């Protein structure tokens, strides 16, 4: 008899725990679905704005909008394999300057320490 009562209590406890877990799972899924719906709505709005901008001729709204062509330099008239090392460095520097705008980059700790004066008078 005592084993039967304990078993019923155990089964009732397990049923309550399972029901609580199901409620928590349903709440988590509702929050996840709400977040997914918000993300979908944001993406839809961004796509709608980009498409309307393209249709209106305002290509600046998109990242993939055609960029102005980089400037062609006189050094590019010479085939790259015939360039001297100094010309090659100048060409490579200009090439990336035209295509990748410089971004602000803070100094690294090594650069900062290297730029500091030792103060001992020795050069």
N, C-alpha and C. Protein backbone atom coordinates (compact mmCIF):
# COMPACT_ATOMS: atom_id res chain seq x y z
N UNK A 1 0.80 -1.20 0.00
CA UNK A 1 0.00 0.00 0.00
C UNK A 1 0.85 1.27 0.00
N UNK A 2 1.85 1.36 0.88
CA UNK A 2 2.62 2.59 0.89
C UNK A 2 3.31 2.84 -0.46
N UNK A 3 3.75 1.77 -1.10
CA UNK A 3 4.41 1.95 -2.39
C UNK A 3 3.44 2.50 -3.44
N UNK A 4 2.20 2.06 -3.37
CA UNK A 4 1.20 2.53 -4.33
C UNK A 4 0.92 4.03 -4.12
N UNK A 5 0.85 4.47 -2.86
CA UNK A 5 0.61 5.89 -2.56
C UNK A 5 1.80 6.73 -3.02
N UNK A 6 2.99 6.26 -2.73
CA UNK A 6 4.19 6.98 -3.16
C UNK A 6 4.26 7.08 -4.69
N UNK A 7 3.89 6.00 -5.35
CA UNK A 7 3.92 6.00 -6.81
C UNK A 7 2.93 7.02 -7.37
N UNK A 8 1.72 7.09 -6.77
CA UNK A 8 0.73 8.06 -7.23
C UNK A 8 1.22 9.48 -6.99
N UNK A 9 1.84 9.73 -5.84
CA UNK A 9 2.38 11.07 -5.56
C UNK A 9 3.48 11.42 -6.58
N UNK A 10 4.34 10.43 -6.81
CA UNK A 10 5.41 10.65 -7.77
C UNK A 10 4.86 10.96 -9.16
N UNK A 11 3.87 10.21 -9.58
CA UNK A 11 3.25 10.45 -10.89
C UNK A 11 2.59 11.82 -10.95
N UNK A 12 1.93 12.23 -9.87
CA UNK A 12 1.29 13.54 -9.83
C UNK A 12 2.34 14.64 -9.90
N UNK A 13 3.45 14.47 -9.16
CA UNK A 13 4.54 15.45 -9.21
C UNK A 13 5.12 15.54 -10.63
N UNK A 14 5.35 14.41 -11.24
CA UNK A 14 5.89 14.40 -12.60
C UNK A 14 4.92 15.08 -13.57
N UNK A 15 3.63 14.86 -13.41
CA UNK A 15 2.65 15.48 -14.29
C UNK A 15 2.68 17.00 -14.12
N UNK A 16 2.77 17.48 -12.86
CA UNK A 16 2.85 18.92 -12.62
C UNK A 16 4.13 19.52 -13.23
N UNK A 17 5.26 18.82 -13.04
CA UNK A 17 6.52 19.30 -13.60
C UNK A 17 6.47 19.34 -15.12
N UNK A 18 5.87 18.31 -15.73
CA UNK A 18 5.74 18.29 -17.18
C UNK A 18 4.84 19.42 -17.67
N UNK A 19 3.76 19.68 -16.95
CA UNK A 19 2.86 20.77 -17.34
C UNK A 19 3.56 22.12 -17.21
N UNK A 20 4.34 22.33 -16.14
CA UNK A 20 5.09 23.57 -15.97
C UNK A 20 6.13 23.73 -17.08
N UNK A 21 6.80 22.65 -17.42
CA UNK A 21 7.80 22.71 -18.49
C UNK A 21 7.13 23.04 -19.82
N UNK A 22 5.97 22.49 -20.07
CA UNK A 22 5.25 22.78 -21.32
C UNK A 22 4.85 24.26 -21.37
N UNK A 23 4.43 24.83 -20.24
CA UNK A 23 4.06 26.24 -20.19
C UNK A 23 5.28 27.13 -20.46
N UNK A 24 6.42 26.79 -19.83
CA UNK A 24 7.63 27.57 -20.06
C UNK A 24 8.09 27.47 -21.50
N UNK A 25 7.99 26.28 -22.07
CA UNK A 25 8.38 26.10 -23.47
C UNK A 25 7.47 26.93 -24.39
N UNK A 26 6.18 26.92 -24.14
CA UNK A 26 5.24 27.70 -24.95
C UNK A 26 5.54 29.19 -24.83
N UNK A 27 5.88 29.66 -23.62
CA UNK A 27 6.21 31.08 -23.44
C UNK A 27 7.48 31.43 -24.19
N UNK A 28 8.51 30.57 -24.12
CA UNK A 28 9.75 30.83 -24.86
C UNK A 28 9.50 30.86 -26.36
N UNK A 29 8.69 29.95 -26.84
CA UNK A 29 8.41 29.91 -28.27
C UNK A 29 7.64 31.16 -28.72
N UNK A 30 6.74 31.65 -27.87
CA UNK A 30 5.98 32.86 -28.20
C UNK A 30 6.92 34.06 -28.29
N UNK A 31 7.87 34.15 -27.37
CA UNK A 31 8.83 35.25 -27.39
C UNK A 31 9.72 35.14 -28.63
N UNK A 32 10.17 33.94 -28.94
CA UNK A 32 11.01 33.72 -30.12
C UNK A 32 10.25 34.07 -31.40
N UNK A 33 9.01 33.66 -31.49
CA UNK A 33 8.21 33.97 -32.68
C UNK A 33 7.99 35.47 -32.82
N UNK A 34 7.78 36.14 -31.68
CA UNK A 34 7.60 37.60 -31.73
C UNK A 34 8.88 38.27 -32.21
N UNK A 35 10.04 37.80 -31.74
CA UNK A 35 11.31 38.37 -32.18
C UNK A 35 11.53 38.09 -33.66
N UNK A 36 11.21 36.87 -34.10
CA UNK A 36 11.35 36.53 -35.52
C UNK A 36 10.43 37.39 -36.38
N UNK A 37 9.21 37.60 -35.92
CA UNK A 37 8.28 38.45 -36.68
C UNK A 37 8.80 39.88 -36.78
N UNK A 38 9.36 40.39 -35.68
CA UNK A 38 9.91 41.75 -35.69
C UNK A 38 11.09 41.84 -36.66
N UNK A 39 11.96 40.83 -36.65
CA UNK A 39 13.10 40.81 -37.56
C UNK A 39 12.63 40.76 -39.01
N UNK A 40 11.65 39.90 -39.29
CA UNK A 40 11.11 39.82 -40.65
C UNK A 40 10.51 41.16 -41.09
N UNK A 41 9.79 41.82 -40.20
CA UNK A 41 9.19 43.10 -40.53
C UNK A 41 10.27 44.15 -40.81
N UNK A 42 11.34 44.15 -40.03
CA UNK A 42 12.44 45.09 -40.24
C UNK A 42 13.12 44.84 -41.58
N UNK A 43 13.37 43.57 -41.89
CA UNK A 43 13.99 43.23 -43.17
C UNK A 43 13.08 43.62 -44.32
N UNK A 44 11.79 43.32 -44.19
CA UNK A 44 10.84 43.68 -45.25
C UNK A 44 10.83 45.19 -45.48
N UNK A 45 10.86 45.97 -44.42
CA UNK A 45 10.85 47.43 -44.56
C UNK A 45 12.13 47.92 -45.23
N UNK A 46 13.27 47.35 -44.86
CA UNK A 46 14.54 47.75 -45.47
C UNK A 46 14.56 47.41 -46.96
N UNK A 47 14.07 46.23 -47.30
CA UNK A 47 14.03 45.83 -48.71
C UNK A 47 13.07 46.73 -49.48
N UNK A 48 11.92 47.02 -48.89
CA UNK A 48 10.95 47.88 -49.54
C UNK A 48 11.54 49.27 -49.80
N UNK A 49 12.24 49.82 -48.82
CA UNK A 49 12.85 51.14 -48.98
C UNK A 49 13.94 51.11 -50.05
N UNK A 50 14.74 50.04 -50.07
CA UNK A 50 15.81 49.94 -51.07
C UNK A 50 15.23 49.82 -52.47
N UNK A 51 14.19 49.01 -52.63
CA UNK A 51 13.59 48.83 -53.94
C UNK A 51 12.94 50.13 -54.40
N UNK A 52 12.25 50.81 -53.52
CA UNK A 52 11.64 52.08 -53.90
C UNK A 52 12.71 53.10 -54.26
N UNK A 53 13.82 53.09 -53.53
CA UNK A 53 14.92 54.00 -53.86
C UNK A 53 15.51 53.71 -55.22
N UNK A 54 15.68 52.43 -55.53
CA UNK A 54 16.22 52.07 -56.84
C UNK A 54 15.25 52.44 -57.95
N UNK A 55 13.97 52.20 -57.72
CA UNK A 55 12.99 52.55 -58.74
C UNK A 55 12.89 54.05 -58.95
N UNK A 56 13.16 54.81 -57.89
CA UNK A 56 13.11 56.26 -57.99
C UNK A 56 14.43 56.85 -58.49
N UNK A 57 15.42 55.99 -58.71
CA UNK A 57 16.71 56.47 -59.18
C UNK A 57 17.65 56.91 -58.09
N UNK A 58 17.33 56.60 -56.84
CA UNK A 58 18.16 56.98 -55.71
C UNK A 58 18.98 55.77 -55.29
N UNK A 59 20.07 55.49 -56.00
CA UNK A 59 20.85 54.28 -55.78
C UNK A 59 21.71 54.35 -54.53
N UNK A 60 21.80 55.50 -53.85
CA UNK A 60 22.64 55.60 -52.67
C UNK A 60 22.10 54.81 -51.49
N UNK A 61 20.85 54.37 -51.55
CA UNK A 61 20.28 53.65 -50.42
C UNK A 61 20.83 52.24 -50.28
N UNK A 62 21.41 51.71 -51.31
CA UNK A 62 21.85 50.33 -51.26
C UNK A 62 23.36 50.26 -51.18
N UNK A 63 23.85 49.21 -50.51
CA UNK A 63 25.29 49.02 -50.42
C UNK A 63 25.86 48.54 -51.74
N UNK A 64 25.05 47.87 -52.54
CA UNK A 64 25.55 47.32 -53.79
C UNK A 64 25.36 48.29 -54.95
N UNK A 65 25.09 49.53 -54.65
CA UNK A 65 24.91 50.52 -55.71
C UNK A 65 26.22 50.70 -56.45
N UNK A 66 26.13 50.96 -57.74
CA UNK A 66 27.37 51.16 -58.50
C UNK A 66 28.16 52.34 -57.95
N UNK A 67 29.43 52.11 -57.73
CA UNK A 67 30.31 53.15 -57.21
C UNK A 67 31.00 53.83 -58.38
N UNK A 68 31.43 55.07 -58.21
CA UNK A 68 32.15 55.72 -59.31
C UNK A 68 33.42 54.95 -59.63
N UNK A 69 33.75 54.92 -60.89
CA UNK A 69 34.94 54.18 -61.33
C UNK A 69 36.19 54.82 -60.76
N UNK A 70 37.14 54.00 -60.29
CA UNK A 70 38.39 54.56 -59.78
C UNK A 70 39.14 55.29 -60.90
N UNK A 71 39.94 56.25 -60.50
CA UNK A 71 40.70 57.01 -61.48
C UNK A 71 41.76 56.13 -62.11
N UNK A 72 41.95 56.30 -63.40
CA UNK A 72 42.99 55.55 -64.11
C UNK A 72 44.24 56.42 -64.12
N UNK A 73 45.35 55.85 -63.69
CA UNK A 73 46.60 56.60 -63.61
C UNK A 73 47.50 56.23 -64.77
N UNK A 74 48.47 57.07 -65.01
CA UNK A 74 49.40 56.83 -66.12
C UNK A 74 50.19 55.55 -65.91
N UNK A 75 50.47 55.21 -64.65
CA UNK A 75 51.25 54.01 -64.38
C UNK A 75 50.50 52.76 -64.82
N UNK A 76 49.18 52.84 -64.90
CA UNK A 76 48.42 51.67 -65.32
C UNK A 76 48.54 51.42 -66.82
N UNK A 77 49.10 52.38 -67.56
CA UNK A 77 49.31 52.17 -68.98
C UNK A 77 50.42 51.15 -69.21
N UNK A 78 51.35 51.05 -68.26
CA UNK A 78 52.43 50.08 -68.34
C UNK A 78 51.92 48.75 -67.81
N UNK A 79 52.21 47.64 -68.48
CA UNK A 79 51.80 46.35 -67.93
C UNK A 79 52.41 46.13 -66.55
N UNK A 80 51.64 45.55 -65.67
CA UNK A 80 52.08 45.40 -64.28
C UNK A 80 53.36 44.59 -64.15
N UNK A 81 53.54 43.60 -65.00
CA UNK A 81 54.74 42.77 -64.88
C UNK A 81 56.01 43.49 -65.32
N UNK A 82 55.87 44.66 -65.95
CA UNK A 82 57.04 45.43 -66.37
C UNK A 82 57.36 46.59 -65.43
N UNK A 83 56.60 46.76 -64.38
CA UNK A 83 56.83 47.86 -63.44
C UNK A 83 58.06 47.59 -62.60
N UNK A 84 58.79 48.67 -62.30
CA UNK A 84 59.91 48.58 -61.37
C UNK A 84 59.34 48.49 -59.95
N UNK A 85 60.14 48.03 -58.97
CA UNK A 85 59.62 47.89 -57.60
C UNK A 85 59.03 49.18 -57.03
N UNK A 86 59.69 50.31 -57.25
CA UNK A 86 59.15 51.57 -56.69
C UNK A 86 57.85 51.94 -57.40
N UNK A 87 57.80 51.72 -58.71
CA UNK A 87 56.56 52.00 -59.45
C UNK A 87 55.44 51.07 -59.00
N UNK A 88 55.82 49.81 -58.73
CA UNK A 88 54.82 48.84 -58.27
C UNK A 88 54.24 49.26 -56.93
N UNK A 89 55.09 49.69 -56.01
CA UNK A 89 54.60 50.13 -54.69
C UNK A 89 53.69 51.34 -54.83
N UNK A 90 54.09 52.28 -55.68
CA UNK A 90 53.25 53.46 -55.89
C UNK A 90 51.91 53.06 -56.51
N UNK A 91 51.95 52.15 -57.48
CA UNK A 91 50.73 51.69 -58.13
C UNK A 91 49.81 50.97 -57.13
N UNK A 92 50.40 50.07 -56.34
CA UNK A 92 49.60 49.32 -55.37
C UNK A 92 48.98 50.26 -54.34
N UNK A 93 49.77 51.22 -53.86
CA UNK A 93 49.24 52.17 -52.88
C UNK A 93 48.09 52.98 -53.45
N UNK A 94 48.26 53.46 -54.67
CA UNK A 94 47.20 54.26 -55.30
C UNK A 94 45.97 53.41 -55.60
N UNK A 95 46.21 52.17 -56.01
CA UNK A 95 45.10 51.26 -56.33
C UNK A 95 44.19 51.08 -55.12
N UNK A 96 44.80 50.78 -53.96
CA UNK A 96 43.98 50.55 -52.77
C UNK A 96 43.44 51.84 -52.19
N UNK A 97 44.13 52.95 -52.39
CA UNK A 97 43.61 54.24 -51.93
C UNK A 97 42.34 54.59 -52.69
N UNK A 98 42.33 54.28 -53.99
CA UNK A 98 41.14 54.58 -54.79
C UNK A 98 39.96 53.68 -54.43
N UNK A 99 40.24 52.46 -54.06
CA UNK A 99 39.17 51.48 -53.89
C UNK A 99 38.72 51.28 -52.45
N UNK A 100 39.58 51.59 -51.50
CA UNK A 100 39.22 51.40 -50.10
C UNK A 100 39.47 52.70 -49.35
N UNK A 101 38.40 53.41 -49.01
CA UNK A 101 38.61 54.66 -48.27
C UNK A 101 39.25 54.37 -46.92
N UNK A 102 40.14 55.25 -46.50
CA UNK A 102 40.83 55.03 -45.24
C UNK A 102 39.85 55.19 -44.08
N UNK A 103 40.02 54.37 -43.11
CA UNK A 103 39.20 54.41 -41.90
C UNK A 103 40.08 54.84 -40.73
N UNK A 104 39.48 55.51 -39.78
CA UNK A 104 40.22 55.88 -38.59
C UNK A 104 40.54 54.62 -37.81
N UNK A 105 41.79 54.49 -37.41
CA UNK A 105 42.20 53.37 -36.60
C UNK A 105 43.01 53.91 -35.44
N UNK A 106 42.61 53.63 -34.23
CA UNK A 106 43.39 54.12 -33.09
C UNK A 106 44.75 53.44 -33.04
N UNK A 107 45.68 54.09 -32.36
CA UNK A 107 47.02 53.51 -32.23
C UNK A 107 46.97 52.25 -31.39
N UNK A 108 47.81 51.30 -31.75
CA UNK A 108 47.97 50.13 -30.89
C UNK A 108 48.86 50.52 -29.73
N UNK A 109 48.91 49.69 -28.71
CA UNK A 109 49.75 50.00 -27.55
C UNK A 109 51.22 50.06 -27.97
N UNK A 110 51.64 49.17 -28.87
CA UNK A 110 53.03 49.19 -29.34
C UNK A 110 53.36 50.47 -30.08
N UNK A 111 52.44 50.94 -30.93
CA UNK A 111 52.66 52.20 -31.63
C UNK A 111 52.73 53.37 -30.65
N UNK A 112 51.85 53.34 -29.66
CA UNK A 112 51.83 54.41 -28.67
C UNK A 112 53.14 54.44 -27.89
N UNK A 113 53.58 53.28 -27.41
CA UNK A 113 54.81 53.23 -26.63
C UNK A 113 56.02 53.57 -27.50
N UNK A 114 56.00 53.15 -28.76
CA UNK A 114 57.11 53.47 -29.66
C UNK A 114 57.22 54.94 -29.97
N UNK A 115 56.11 55.66 -29.90
CA UNK A 115 56.13 57.08 -30.22
C UNK A 115 56.49 57.94 -29.01
N UNK A 116 56.60 57.33 -27.84
CA UNK A 116 56.90 58.09 -26.63
C UNK A 116 58.40 58.37 -26.53
N UNK A 117 58.73 59.53 -25.99
CA UNK A 117 60.12 59.91 -25.76
C UNK A 117 60.62 59.20 -24.51
N UNK A 118 61.80 58.60 -24.62
CA UNK A 118 62.35 57.88 -23.46
C UNK A 118 62.77 58.85 -22.36
N UNK A 119 63.15 60.05 -22.73
CA UNK A 119 63.49 61.06 -21.74
C UNK A 119 64.89 60.91 -21.16
N UNK A 120 65.67 59.94 -21.67
CA UNK A 120 67.00 59.77 -21.12
C UNK A 120 68.07 60.55 -21.89
N UNK A 121 67.67 61.21 -22.96
CA UNK A 121 68.60 62.03 -23.74
C UNK A 121 69.36 61.25 -24.79
N UNK A 122 69.32 59.93 -24.73
CA UNK A 122 70.03 59.13 -25.72
C UNK A 122 69.13 58.95 -26.93
N UNK A 123 69.69 59.09 -28.08
CA UNK A 123 68.87 58.98 -29.28
C UNK A 123 68.96 57.61 -29.86
